[in-house]
Amino acid sequence: MRALTVRGDDAVEIHTHDDVYLARRVVVAAGAWTTTLLDGLVALPTLRVTEEQPAYFAPLIPSGTDRADGADPWPSFVHLFGAGTREFDSFHRGVYGLHTPGQGVKVGFHGSGPVVDPDQRDFAAEPTQLAALREYVRQWLPGVNPAVCHPISCTYTTTPDSHFVLDRHGPVVVAAGFSGHGFKFVPAIGAVLAELALDGTRPDSRFAATR
């Protein structure tokens, strides 16, 4: 999708690289490109786009079916530090992690990356942040190897209050600003977007585009 043109309350043109489509509704879930795509069409809160740098670390303990008992020793976790502690500053307030089959144990800081233009990212690992992530793993995760890791890059699109945007403006339904939490709520978000598209039923006002 390259652009949208609203033709009325029940008509919107969807411009792609190959063609133009006419629809009664369009659901826009464009992540870091939401503001660019919907500029002038939907009033949105400020969406802050940052480049985050988690990494996959090699586990020292076999997981899942590799273990004789079939247990997975790596549940998802969130580790938050109290304000004013050394760890709060060193480890960007907190860390999350989860086991990813075939990849290793994913560990990352939450919403600590620099603001970026999503079209100008270099995807390169930032040495200082990677060193801090390895140090966290060394101190707190004895079951993985801090020296063996694969840095990855992703973006957060964060609203000022960290609540999602789930709303509709004419024929345009928007889902944006998931602030690093959206994936966990996909089934519920899908149901909300379907209701918005079909009959305009809105969720709690905390998710309104203007709030």
N, C-alpha and C. Protein backbone atom coordinates (compact mmCIF):
# COMPACT_ATOMS: atom_id res chain seq x y z
N MET A 1 0.84 -1.19 0.00
CA MET A 1 0.00 0.00 0.00
C MET A 1 0.88 1.25 0.00
N ARG A 2 0.62 2.15 -0.98
CA ARG A 2 1.42 3.37 -1.08
C ARG A 2 0.68 4.60 -0.58
N ALA A 3 -0.64 4.61 -0.74
CA ALA A 3 -1.42 5.78 -0.33
C ALA A 3 -2.89 5.41 -0.28
N LEU A 4 -3.66 6.26 0.41
CA LEU A 4 -5.11 6.11 0.49
C LEU A 4 -5.77 7.41 0.05
N THR A 5 -6.91 7.28 -0.60
CA THR A 5 -7.73 8.44 -0.94
C THR A 5 -9.15 8.17 -0.48
N VAL A 6 -9.64 8.95 0.47
CA VAL A 6 -11.00 8.76 0.98
C VAL A 6 -11.98 9.43 0.03
N ARG A 7 -12.99 8.67 -0.41
CA ARG A 7 -13.99 9.18 -1.35
C ARG A 7 -15.35 9.37 -0.70
N GLY A 8 -15.47 9.11 0.58
CA GLY A 8 -16.74 9.25 1.29
C GLY A 8 -16.73 8.37 2.51
N ASP A 9 -17.84 8.36 3.26
CA ASP A 9 -17.90 7.56 4.48
C ASP A 9 -17.83 6.07 4.20
N ASP A 10 -18.17 5.66 2.98
CA ASP A 10 -18.16 4.24 2.64
C ASP A 10 -17.35 3.96 1.38
N ALA A 11 -16.34 4.76 1.14
CA ALA A 11 -15.54 4.54 -0.06
C ALA A 11 -14.12 5.05 0.16
N VAL A 12 -13.15 4.19 -0.14
CA VAL A 12 -11.75 4.56 -0.02
C VAL A 12 -10.97 3.89 -1.14
N GLU A 13 -10.10 4.65 -1.77
CA GLU A 13 -9.21 4.11 -2.79
C GLU A 13 -7.90 3.69 -2.14
N ILE A 14 -7.46 2.50 -2.48
CA ILE A 14 -6.21 1.95 -1.94
C ILE A 14 -5.21 1.87 -3.09
N HIS A 15 -4.17 2.68 -3.01
CA HIS A 15 -3.17 2.76 -4.07
C HIS A 15 -2.00 1.84 -3.73
N THR A 16 -1.72 0.89 -4.60
CA THR A 16 -0.56 0.02 -4.45
C THR A 16 0.42 0.30 -5.58
N HIS A 17 1.50 -0.43 -5.61
CA HIS A 17 2.48 -0.26 -6.70
C HIS A 17 1.90 -0.71 -8.04
N ASP A 18 0.91 -1.60 -7.99
CA ASP A 18 0.42 -2.20 -9.22
C ASP A 18 -0.95 -1.70 -9.67
N ASP A 19 -1.78 -1.22 -8.74
CA ASP A 19 -3.14 -0.89 -9.13
C ASP A 19 -3.79 0.01 -8.08
N VAL A 20 -5.04 0.37 -8.32
CA VAL A 20 -5.85 1.13 -7.37
C VAL A 20 -7.12 0.34 -7.13
N TYR A 21 -7.43 0.12 -5.85
CA TYR A 21 -8.60 -0.67 -5.47
C TYR A 21 -9.60 0.22 -4.74
N LEU A 22 -10.87 -0.02 -4.97
CA LEU A 22 -11.93 0.71 -4.28
C LEU A 22 -12.59 -0.23 -3.28
N ALA A 23 -12.73 0.24 -2.03
CA ALA A 23 -13.32 -0.59 -0.98
C ALA A 23 -14.21 0.26 -0.09
N ARG A 24 -15.11 -0.41 0.63
CA ARG A 24 -15.93 0.31 1.61
C ARG A 24 -15.15 0.59 2.88
N ARG A 25 -14.21 -0.30 3.23
CA ARG A 25 -13.40 -0.13 4.43
C ARG A 25 -11.97 -0.57 4.12
N VAL A 26 -11.04 0.02 4.84
CA VAL A 26 -9.67 -0.46 4.81
C VAL A 26 -9.14 -0.46 6.24
N VAL A 27 -8.45 -1.53 6.60
CA VAL A 27 -7.82 -1.63 7.92
C VAL A 27 -6.33 -1.38 7.73
N VAL A 28 -5.83 -0.34 8.37
CA VAL A 28 -4.43 0.04 8.24
C VAL A 28 -3.69 -0.35 9.52
N ALA A 29 -2.76 -1.28 9.38
CA ALA A 29 -1.89 -1.69 10.48
C ALA A 29 -0.46 -1.62 9.94
N ALA A 30 0.04 -0.40 9.80
CA ALA A 30 1.28 -0.16 9.06
C ALA A 30 2.48 0.07 9.96
N GLY A 31 2.34 -0.16 11.26
CA GLY A 31 3.48 -0.06 12.15
C GLY A 31 4.18 1.28 12.09
N ALA A 32 5.49 1.24 11.84
CA ALA A 32 6.31 2.44 11.85
C ALA A 32 5.95 3.43 10.74
N TRP A 33 5.20 2.99 9.73
CA TRP A 33 4.83 3.85 8.61
C TRP A 33 3.43 4.44 8.74
N THR A 34 2.79 4.25 9.89
CA THR A 34 1.41 4.70 10.07
C THR A 34 1.26 6.20 9.87
N THR A 35 2.11 7.00 10.52
CA THR A 35 1.98 8.45 10.42
C THR A 35 2.15 8.92 8.99
N THR A 36 3.13 8.37 8.29
CA THR A 36 3.36 8.76 6.89
C THR A 36 2.16 8.42 6.02
N LEU A 37 1.62 7.23 6.19
CA LEU A 37 0.53 6.77 5.34
C LEU A 37 -0.78 7.51 5.63
N LEU A 38 -1.03 7.82 6.90
CA LEU A 38 -2.32 8.40 7.28
C LEU A 38 -2.28 9.90 7.53
N ASP A 39 -1.16 10.53 7.23
CA ASP A 39 -1.05 11.96 7.44
C ASP A 39 -2.15 12.71 6.69
N GLY A 40 -2.93 13.50 7.43
CA GLY A 40 -4.02 14.26 6.83
C GLY A 40 -5.33 13.50 6.74
N LEU A 41 -5.32 12.20 6.97
CA LEU A 41 -6.55 11.40 6.90
C LEU A 41 -7.12 11.08 8.28
N VAL A 42 -6.26 10.80 9.23
CA VAL A 42 -6.69 10.44 10.58
C VAL A 42 -5.85 11.23 11.57
N ALA A 43 -6.50 11.86 12.55
CA ALA A 43 -5.78 12.55 13.61
C ALA A 43 -5.21 11.51 14.57
N LEU A 44 -3.91 11.47 14.68
CA LEU A 44 -3.25 10.45 15.50
C LEU A 44 -2.46 11.11 16.64
N PRO A 45 -2.26 10.38 17.74
CA PRO A 45 -1.31 10.88 18.73
C PRO A 45 0.10 10.82 18.13
N THR A 46 1.02 11.45 18.78
CA THR A 46 2.41 11.38 18.32
C THR A 46 2.89 9.93 18.43
N LEU A 47 3.37 9.38 17.31
CA LEU A 47 3.86 8.01 17.29
C LEU A 47 5.38 8.06 17.20
N ARG A 48 6.03 7.59 18.23
CA ARG A 48 7.50 7.62 18.31
C ARG A 48 8.06 6.29 17.82
N VAL A 49 8.85 6.33 16.77
CA VAL A 49 9.41 5.12 16.18
C VAL A 49 10.87 4.98 16.62
N THR A 50 11.19 3.87 17.26
CA THR A 50 12.55 3.62 17.71
C THR A 50 13.05 2.29 17.15
N GLU A 51 14.36 2.21 17.00
CA GLU A 51 14.99 0.96 16.55
C GLU A 51 15.50 0.21 17.77
N GLU A 52 14.97 -0.98 17.98
CA GLU A 52 15.34 -1.80 19.13
C GLU A 52 16.31 -2.90 18.71
N GLN A 53 17.10 -3.36 19.67
CA GLN A 53 18.15 -4.32 19.35
C GLN A 53 18.17 -5.47 20.35
N PRO A 54 17.21 -6.37 20.27
CA PRO A 54 17.33 -7.60 21.04
C PRO A 54 18.36 -8.53 20.38
N ALA A 55 18.57 -9.68 20.99
CA ALA A 55 19.49 -10.65 20.41
C ALA A 55 19.07 -12.04 20.84
N TYR A 56 19.41 -13.02 20.01
CA TYR A 56 19.22 -14.43 20.35
C TYR A 56 20.51 -14.95 20.96
N PHE A 57 20.40 -15.53 22.15
CA PHE A 57 21.55 -16.10 22.84
C PHE A 57 21.47 -17.62 22.83
N ALA A 58 22.62 -18.25 22.70
CA ALA A 58 22.68 -19.71 22.64
C ALA A 58 22.46 -20.31 24.02
N PRO A 59 21.46 -21.19 24.19
CA PRO A 59 21.23 -21.81 25.50
C PRO A 59 22.27 -22.88 25.79
N LEU A 60 22.62 -23.01 27.05
CA LEU A 60 23.53 -24.06 27.48
C LEU A 60 22.78 -25.33 27.86
N ILE A 61 21.45 -25.19 28.06
CA ILE A 61 20.61 -26.33 28.43
C ILE A 61 19.70 -26.65 27.27
N PRO A 62 19.65 -27.90 26.76
CA PRO A 62 18.74 -28.24 25.67
C PRO A 62 17.30 -27.94 26.06
N SER A 63 16.50 -27.55 25.10
CA SER A 63 15.11 -27.21 25.39
C SER A 63 14.16 -28.11 24.64
N GLY A 64 12.92 -28.14 25.12
CA GLY A 64 11.85 -28.84 24.42
C GLY A 64 12.14 -30.31 24.21
N THR A 65 11.98 -30.77 22.98
CA THR A 65 12.10 -32.20 22.68
C THR A 65 13.54 -32.68 22.77
N ASP A 66 14.52 -31.75 22.88
CA ASP A 66 15.90 -32.18 23.03
C ASP A 66 16.18 -32.70 24.44
N ARG A 67 15.32 -32.38 25.37
CA ARG A 67 15.48 -32.86 26.75
C ARG A 67 14.75 -34.18 26.93
N ALA A 68 15.29 -35.00 27.82
CA ALA A 68 14.69 -36.30 28.06
C ALA A 68 13.28 -36.17 28.62
N ASP A 69 13.03 -35.14 29.44
CA ASP A 69 11.71 -35.00 30.04
C ASP A 69 10.77 -34.15 29.19
N GLY A 70 11.26 -33.62 28.05
CA GLY A 70 10.41 -32.84 27.15
C GLY A 70 10.07 -31.46 27.66
N ALA A 71 10.64 -31.05 28.80
CA ALA A 71 10.30 -29.75 29.39
C ALA A 71 11.07 -28.62 28.71
N ASP A 72 10.48 -27.46 28.72
CA ASP A 72 11.14 -26.28 28.18
C ASP A 72 11.57 -25.41 29.35
N PRO A 73 12.90 -25.25 29.57
CA PRO A 73 13.37 -24.50 30.74
C PRO A 73 13.35 -22.98 30.55
N TRP A 74 12.81 -22.50 29.42
CA TRP A 74 12.86 -21.07 29.15
C TRP A 74 11.48 -20.47 28.95
N PRO A 75 10.77 -20.21 30.04
CA PRO A 75 9.49 -19.49 29.90
C PRO A 75 9.75 -18.03 29.55
N SER A 76 8.74 -17.38 29.03
CA SER A 76 8.85 -15.94 28.80
C SER A 76 9.00 -15.22 30.14
N PHE A 77 9.76 -14.12 30.15
CA PHE A 77 9.96 -13.40 31.40
C PHE A 77 10.09 -11.91 31.15
N VAL A 78 9.76 -11.13 32.17
CA VAL A 78 9.99 -9.68 32.20
C VAL A 78 10.70 -9.38 33.50
N HIS A 79 11.79 -8.65 33.43
CA HIS A 79 12.60 -8.34 34.60
C HIS A 79 12.72 -6.82 34.71
N LEU A 80 12.02 -6.24 35.68
CA LEU A 80 12.02 -4.79 35.87
C LEU A 80 12.88 -4.42 37.07
N PHE A 81 13.51 -3.25 36.99
CA PHE A 81 14.37 -2.79 38.08
C PHE A 81 13.80 -1.51 38.69
N GLY A 82 14.01 -1.36 39.97
CA GLY A 82 13.51 -0.19 40.67
C GLY A 82 14.30 1.06 40.30
N ALA A 83 13.59 2.19 40.21
CA ALA A 83 14.24 3.47 39.91
C ALA A 83 15.30 3.78 40.96
N GLY A 84 16.42 4.29 40.50
CA GLY A 84 17.50 4.66 41.42
C GLY A 84 18.52 3.56 41.65
N THR A 85 18.23 2.34 41.18
CA THR A 85 19.20 1.25 41.33
C THR A 85 20.23 1.30 40.21
N ARG A 86 21.36 0.68 40.43
CA ARG A 86 22.39 0.61 39.41
C ARG A 86 21.88 -0.12 38.17
N GLU A 87 21.11 -1.17 38.38
CA GLU A 87 20.59 -1.96 37.26
C GLU A 87 19.59 -1.16 36.43
N PHE A 88 18.84 -0.28 37.07
CA PHE A 88 17.84 0.52 36.37
C PHE A 88 18.49 1.33 35.26
N ASP A 89 19.64 1.91 35.56
CA ASP A 89 20.35 2.70 34.56
C ASP A 89 21.15 1.83 33.61
N SER A 90 21.80 0.83 34.13
CA SER A 90 22.68 -0.01 33.30
C SER A 90 21.90 -0.83 32.28
N PHE A 91 20.69 -1.27 32.68
CA PHE A 91 19.93 -2.18 31.84
C PHE A 91 18.61 -1.56 31.36
N HIS A 92 18.60 -0.23 31.20
CA HIS A 92 17.50 0.48 30.55
C HIS A 92 16.14 0.18 31.19
N ARG A 93 16.11 0.16 32.50
CA ARG A 93 14.87 0.01 33.28
C ARG A 93 14.37 -1.43 33.36
N GLY A 94 14.60 -2.23 32.33
CA GLY A 94 14.08 -3.58 32.38
C GLY A 94 14.38 -4.37 31.13
N VAL A 95 14.16 -5.68 31.23
CA VAL A 95 14.52 -6.62 30.17
C VAL A 95 13.38 -7.60 29.99
N TYR A 96 13.18 -8.06 28.76
CA TYR A 96 12.24 -9.15 28.51
C TYR A 96 12.99 -10.28 27.81
N GLY A 97 12.43 -11.47 27.87
CA GLY A 97 13.06 -12.60 27.19
C GLY A 97 12.08 -13.73 26.95
N LEU A 98 12.41 -14.57 25.99
CA LEU A 98 11.60 -15.74 25.66
C LEU A 98 12.41 -16.68 24.80
N HIS A 99 12.07 -17.96 24.88
CA HIS A 99 12.73 -18.95 24.04
C HIS A 99 12.08 -18.96 22.66
N THR A 100 12.91 -18.93 21.62
CA THR A 100 12.44 -18.99 20.24
C THR A 100 12.99 -20.25 19.60
N PRO A 101 12.16 -21.26 19.36
CA PRO A 101 12.67 -22.53 18.80
C PRO A 101 13.49 -22.31 17.54
N GLY A 102 14.66 -22.93 17.51
CA GLY A 102 15.53 -22.84 16.36
C GLY A 102 16.41 -21.61 16.33
N GLN A 103 16.15 -20.64 17.24
CA GLN A 103 16.92 -19.39 17.26
C GLN A 103 17.74 -19.22 18.53
N GLY A 104 17.17 -19.63 19.65
CA GLY A 104 17.83 -19.45 20.93
C GLY A 104 16.93 -18.72 21.90
N VAL A 105 17.50 -18.11 22.90
CA VAL A 105 16.76 -17.35 23.90
C VAL A 105 16.84 -15.87 23.51
N LYS A 106 15.69 -15.30 23.17
CA LYS A 106 15.64 -13.90 22.77
C LYS A 106 15.61 -13.03 24.03
N VAL A 107 16.52 -12.07 24.11
CA VAL A 107 16.60 -11.17 25.24
C VAL A 107 16.71 -9.74 24.69
N GLY A 108 15.98 -8.81 25.29
CA GLY A 108 16.05 -7.44 24.79
C GLY A 108 15.62 -6.43 25.84
N PHE A 109 16.08 -5.19 25.66
CA PHE A 109 15.62 -4.07 26.47
C PHE A 109 14.31 -3.56 25.88
N HIS A 110 13.45 -3.02 26.75
CA HIS A 110 12.13 -2.58 26.31
C HIS A 110 12.12 -1.09 26.00
N GLY A 111 11.94 -0.75 24.72
CA GLY A 111 11.76 0.65 24.33
C GLY A 111 12.91 1.55 24.68
N SER A 112 14.14 1.08 24.46
CA SER A 112 15.31 1.88 24.84
C SER A 112 16.11 2.39 23.64
N GLY A 113 15.68 2.05 22.43
CA GLY A 113 16.46 2.38 21.25
C GLY A 113 16.30 3.82 20.79
N PRO A 114 17.14 4.24 19.85
CA PRO A 114 17.09 5.61 19.34
C PRO A 114 15.92 5.80 18.37
N VAL A 115 15.44 7.04 18.27
CA VAL A 115 14.39 7.37 17.31
C VAL A 115 14.98 7.25 15.90
N VAL A 116 14.21 6.63 14.98
CA VAL A 116 14.70 6.41 13.62
C VAL A 116 13.62 6.71 12.60
N ASP A 117 14.07 6.93 11.38
CA ASP A 117 13.21 6.94 10.21
C ASP A 117 13.15 5.50 9.72
N PRO A 118 11.98 4.86 9.67
CA PRO A 118 11.92 3.44 9.31
C PRO A 118 12.46 3.14 7.92
N ASP A 119 12.55 4.15 7.07
CA ASP A 119 13.09 3.94 5.73
C ASP A 119 14.59 4.18 5.65
N GLN A 120 15.20 4.60 6.77
CA GLN A 120 16.63 4.91 6.76
C GLN A 120 17.40 4.11 7.81
N ARG A 121 16.87 2.99 8.23
CA ARG A 121 17.55 2.17 9.23
C ARG A 121 18.72 1.42 8.61
N ASP A 122 19.81 1.26 9.39
CA ASP A 122 20.94 0.48 8.87
C ASP A 122 20.95 -0.95 9.42
N PHE A 123 20.08 -1.26 10.38
CA PHE A 123 19.93 -2.60 10.95
C PHE A 123 21.21 -3.09 11.66
N ALA A 124 22.18 -2.23 11.83
CA ALA A 124 23.45 -2.64 12.44
C ALA A 124 23.33 -2.63 13.96
N ALA A 125 24.00 -3.58 14.59
CA ALA A 125 24.01 -3.64 16.05
C ALA A 125 24.80 -2.46 16.62
N GLU A 126 24.22 -1.82 17.64
CA GLU A 126 24.88 -0.69 18.30
C GLU A 126 25.77 -1.28 19.40
N PRO A 127 27.08 -1.08 19.33
CA PRO A 127 28.00 -1.80 20.22
C PRO A 127 27.74 -1.59 21.71
N THR A 128 27.44 -0.36 22.13
CA THR A 128 27.27 -0.10 23.56
C THR A 128 26.05 -0.83 24.10
N GLN A 129 24.94 -0.78 23.36
CA GLN A 129 23.73 -1.46 23.82
C GLN A 129 23.90 -2.97 23.80
N LEU A 130 24.58 -3.49 22.78
CA LEU A 130 24.82 -4.93 22.73
C LEU A 130 25.70 -5.37 23.89
N ALA A 131 26.70 -4.57 24.23
CA ALA A 131 27.56 -4.91 25.37
C ALA A 131 26.76 -4.94 26.67
N ALA A 132 25.82 -3.99 26.83
CA ALA A 132 24.99 -3.98 28.03
C ALA A 132 24.08 -5.20 28.08
N LEU A 133 23.54 -5.60 26.92
CA LEU A 133 22.68 -6.77 26.87
C LEU A 133 23.46 -8.02 27.24
N ARG A 134 24.68 -8.14 26.73
CA ARG A 134 25.52 -9.29 27.07
C ARG A 134 25.86 -9.30 28.56
N GLU A 135 26.09 -8.13 29.12
CA GLU A 135 26.40 -8.06 30.54
C GLU A 135 25.19 -8.48 31.37
N TYR A 136 23.98 -8.07 30.95
CA TYR A 136 22.79 -8.53 31.65
C TYR A 136 22.70 -10.05 31.62
N VAL A 137 22.91 -10.64 30.46
CA VAL A 137 22.84 -12.10 30.32
C VAL A 137 23.89 -12.76 31.21
N ARG A 138 25.08 -12.20 31.24
CA ARG A 138 26.14 -12.78 32.06
C ARG A 138 25.75 -12.78 33.54
N GLN A 139 25.13 -11.71 34.00
CA GLN A 139 24.80 -11.59 35.41
C GLN A 139 23.55 -12.38 35.80
N TRP A 140 22.55 -12.43 34.91
CA TRP A 140 21.23 -12.90 35.32
C TRP A 140 20.75 -14.18 34.65
N LEU A 141 21.38 -14.59 33.56
CA LEU A 141 20.91 -15.79 32.86
C LEU A 141 22.04 -16.80 32.72
N PRO A 142 22.34 -17.54 33.78
CA PRO A 142 23.46 -18.49 33.72
C PRO A 142 23.23 -19.65 32.76
N GLY A 143 22.02 -19.81 32.27
CA GLY A 143 21.72 -20.92 31.37
C GLY A 143 21.97 -20.63 29.90
N VAL A 144 22.45 -19.42 29.58
CA VAL A 144 22.78 -19.13 28.19
C VAL A 144 24.20 -18.59 28.11
N ASN A 145 24.74 -18.60 26.91
CA ASN A 145 26.12 -18.18 26.69
C ASN A 145 26.14 -16.71 26.23
N PRO A 146 26.63 -15.79 27.05
CA PRO A 146 26.61 -14.37 26.66
C PRO A 146 27.53 -14.06 25.49
N ALA A 147 28.47 -14.93 25.22
CA ALA A 147 29.42 -14.68 24.13
C ALA A 147 28.90 -15.14 22.78
N VAL A 148 27.87 -15.98 22.79
CA VAL A 148 27.35 -16.52 21.53
C VAL A 148 25.95 -15.96 21.33
N CYS A 149 25.83 -14.96 20.47
CA CYS A 149 24.53 -14.35 20.25
C CYS A 149 24.42 -13.83 18.83
N HIS A 150 23.17 -13.63 18.42
CA HIS A 150 22.87 -13.11 17.09
C HIS A 150 21.99 -11.87 17.26
N PRO A 151 22.56 -10.67 17.15
CA PRO A 151 21.75 -9.45 17.30
C PRO A 151 20.74 -9.33 16.16
N ILE A 152 19.57 -8.84 16.47
CA ILE A 152 18.54 -8.58 15.47
C ILE A 152 18.02 -7.16 15.65
N SER A 153 17.25 -6.69 14.69
CA SER A 153 16.75 -5.33 14.73
C SER A 153 15.25 -5.32 14.49
N CYS A 154 14.54 -4.49 15.25
CA CYS A 154 13.10 -4.33 15.05
C CYS A 154 12.73 -2.90 15.43
N THR A 155 11.51 -2.51 15.15
CA THR A 155 11.07 -1.17 15.54
C THR A 155 9.94 -1.25 16.55
N TYR A 156 9.90 -0.27 17.44
CA TYR A 156 8.76 -0.01 18.30
C TYR A 156 8.07 1.25 17.75
N THR A 157 6.75 1.24 17.75
CA THR A 157 5.99 2.46 17.47
C THR A 157 5.18 2.74 18.73
N THR A 158 5.56 3.77 19.46
CA THR A 158 5.07 3.99 20.81
C THR A 158 4.24 5.27 20.91
N THR A 159 3.10 5.17 21.58
CA THR A 159 2.27 6.34 21.86
C THR A 159 2.72 6.99 23.16
N PRO A 160 2.36 8.26 23.40
CA PRO A 160 2.78 8.93 24.64
C PRO A 160 2.32 8.22 25.90
N ASP A 161 1.15 7.58 25.88
CA ASP A 161 0.65 6.89 27.07
C ASP A 161 0.83 5.37 27.00
N SER A 162 1.47 4.88 25.94
CA SER A 162 1.75 3.46 25.70
C SER A 162 0.50 2.63 25.43
N HIS A 163 -0.69 3.26 25.34
CA HIS A 163 -1.89 2.53 24.94
C HIS A 163 -1.96 2.46 23.41
N PHE A 164 -2.61 1.40 22.92
CA PHE A 164 -2.75 1.22 21.48
C PHE A 164 -3.68 2.26 20.87
N VAL A 165 -3.60 2.41 19.57
CA VAL A 165 -4.61 3.15 18.80
C VAL A 165 -5.44 2.12 18.04
N LEU A 166 -6.72 2.03 18.37
CA LEU A 166 -7.67 1.15 17.69
C LEU A 166 -8.92 1.98 17.44
N ASP A 167 -9.08 2.49 16.23
CA ASP A 167 -10.14 3.46 15.99
C ASP A 167 -10.52 3.46 14.52
N ARG A 168 -11.55 4.24 14.21
CA ARG A 168 -12.02 4.35 12.83
C ARG A 168 -12.34 5.80 12.51
N HIS A 169 -11.94 6.22 11.31
CA HIS A 169 -12.25 7.56 10.82
C HIS A 169 -12.84 7.39 9.44
N GLY A 170 -14.16 7.56 9.33
CA GLY A 170 -14.83 7.29 8.04
C GLY A 170 -14.62 5.84 7.64
N PRO A 171 -14.10 5.58 6.45
CA PRO A 171 -13.89 4.20 6.02
C PRO A 171 -12.54 3.63 6.44
N VAL A 172 -11.73 4.42 7.16
CA VAL A 172 -10.38 4.00 7.52
C VAL A 172 -10.34 3.51 8.97
N VAL A 173 -10.03 2.23 9.14
CA VAL A 173 -9.83 1.65 10.47
C VAL A 173 -8.32 1.60 10.71
N VAL A 174 -7.89 2.06 11.87
CA VAL A 174 -6.46 2.14 12.13
C VAL A 174 -6.09 1.34 13.38
N ALA A 175 -5.00 0.61 13.26
CA ALA A 175 -4.41 -0.12 14.39
C ALA A 175 -2.94 0.27 14.44
N ALA A 176 -2.53 0.95 15.50
CA ALA A 176 -1.17 1.50 15.52
C ALA A 176 -0.70 1.70 16.95
N GLY A 177 0.57 2.09 17.07
CA GLY A 177 1.14 2.47 18.36
C GLY A 177 1.10 1.38 19.40
N PHE A 178 1.57 0.19 19.04
CA PHE A 178 1.44 -0.94 19.96
C PHE A 178 2.53 -0.98 21.03
N SER A 179 3.47 -0.06 20.97
CA SER A 179 4.39 0.20 22.08
C SER A 179 5.12 -1.05 22.56
N GLY A 180 5.39 -1.95 21.63
CA GLY A 180 6.13 -3.16 21.97
C GLY A 180 5.31 -4.27 22.58
N HIS A 181 3.98 -4.09 22.71
CA HIS A 181 3.14 -5.07 23.38
C HIS A 181 2.09 -5.73 22.47
N GLY A 182 1.97 -5.30 21.23
CA GLY A 182 0.83 -5.70 20.42
C GLY A 182 0.71 -7.17 20.12
N PHE A 183 1.84 -7.84 19.89
CA PHE A 183 1.79 -9.23 19.45
C PHE A 183 1.03 -10.12 20.43
N LYS A 184 1.16 -9.85 21.72
CA LYS A 184 0.53 -10.69 22.74
C LYS A 184 -1.00 -10.62 22.69
N PHE A 185 -1.53 -9.58 22.04
CA PHE A 185 -2.97 -9.34 22.05
C PHE A 185 -3.62 -9.51 20.69
N VAL A 186 -2.93 -10.19 19.77
CA VAL A 186 -3.42 -10.28 18.39
C VAL A 186 -4.86 -10.78 18.28
N PRO A 187 -5.27 -11.87 18.94
CA PRO A 187 -6.67 -12.32 18.78
C PRO A 187 -7.68 -11.25 19.20
N ALA A 188 -7.43 -10.58 20.33
CA ALA A 188 -8.36 -9.55 20.80
C ALA A 188 -8.35 -8.35 19.87
N ILE A 189 -7.17 -7.96 19.40
CA ILE A 189 -7.07 -6.83 18.48
C ILE A 189 -7.82 -7.12 17.19
N GLY A 190 -7.68 -8.34 16.67
CA GLY A 190 -8.40 -8.72 15.46
C GLY A 190 -9.90 -8.59 15.62
N ALA A 191 -10.42 -9.01 16.77
CA ALA A 191 -11.86 -8.92 17.02
C ALA A 191 -12.31 -7.45 17.07
N VAL A 192 -11.52 -6.60 17.73
CA VAL A 192 -11.85 -5.18 17.81
C VAL A 192 -11.87 -4.55 16.42
N LEU A 193 -10.87 -4.86 15.60
CA LEU A 193 -10.79 -4.28 14.27
C LEU A 193 -11.95 -4.74 13.39
N ALA A 194 -12.35 -5.99 13.54
CA ALA A 194 -13.50 -6.49 12.78
C ALA A 194 -14.77 -5.73 13.15
N GLU A 195 -14.98 -5.48 14.44
CA GLU A 195 -16.16 -4.73 14.87
C GLU A 195 -16.11 -3.28 14.38
N LEU A 196 -14.94 -2.68 14.42
CA LEU A 196 -14.81 -1.32 13.90
C LEU A 196 -15.14 -1.25 12.42
N ALA A 197 -14.65 -2.23 11.66
CA ALA A 197 -14.87 -2.23 10.22
C ALA A 197 -16.33 -2.53 9.86
N LEU A 198 -16.96 -3.43 10.60
CA LEU A 198 -18.31 -3.86 10.23
C LEU A 198 -19.39 -2.88 10.69
N ASP A 199 -19.32 -2.44 11.94
CA ASP A 199 -20.43 -1.60 12.43
C ASP A 199 -19.95 -0.38 13.23
N GLY A 200 -18.65 -0.15 13.27
CA GLY A 200 -18.15 1.04 13.95
C GLY A 200 -18.11 0.95 15.45
N THR A 201 -18.32 -0.25 16.02
CA THR A 201 -18.28 -0.40 17.47
C THR A 201 -16.87 -0.11 17.98
N ARG A 202 -16.76 0.85 18.90
CA ARG A 202 -15.45 1.27 19.39
C ARG A 202 -15.15 0.64 20.74
N PRO A 203 -13.86 0.36 20.98
CA PRO A 203 -13.47 -0.16 22.29
C PRO A 203 -13.41 0.99 23.30
N ASP A 204 -12.77 0.73 24.42
CA ASP A 204 -12.57 1.74 25.46
C ASP A 204 -11.94 3.00 24.86
N SER A 205 -12.34 4.16 25.40
CA SER A 205 -11.86 5.43 24.87
C SER A 205 -10.35 5.61 24.99
N ARG A 206 -9.71 4.80 25.81
CA ARG A 206 -8.25 4.86 25.92
C ARG A 206 -7.58 4.53 24.60
N PHE A 207 -8.28 3.82 23.71
CA PHE A 207 -7.70 3.42 22.44
C PHE A 207 -8.09 4.34 21.27
N ALA A 208 -8.77 5.43 21.58
CA ALA A 208 -9.19 6.35 20.52
C ALA A 208 -7.96 7.05 19.91
N ALA A 209 -8.08 7.38 18.64
CA ALA A 209 -6.98 8.06 17.97
C ALA A 209 -6.72 9.44 18.57
N THR A 210 -7.78 10.10 19.00
CA THR A 210 -7.64 11.39 19.70
C THR A 210 -8.08 11.18 21.14
N ARG A 211 -7.17 11.38 22.07
CA ARG A 211 -7.47 11.15 23.49
C ARG A 211 -6.66 12.06 24.38
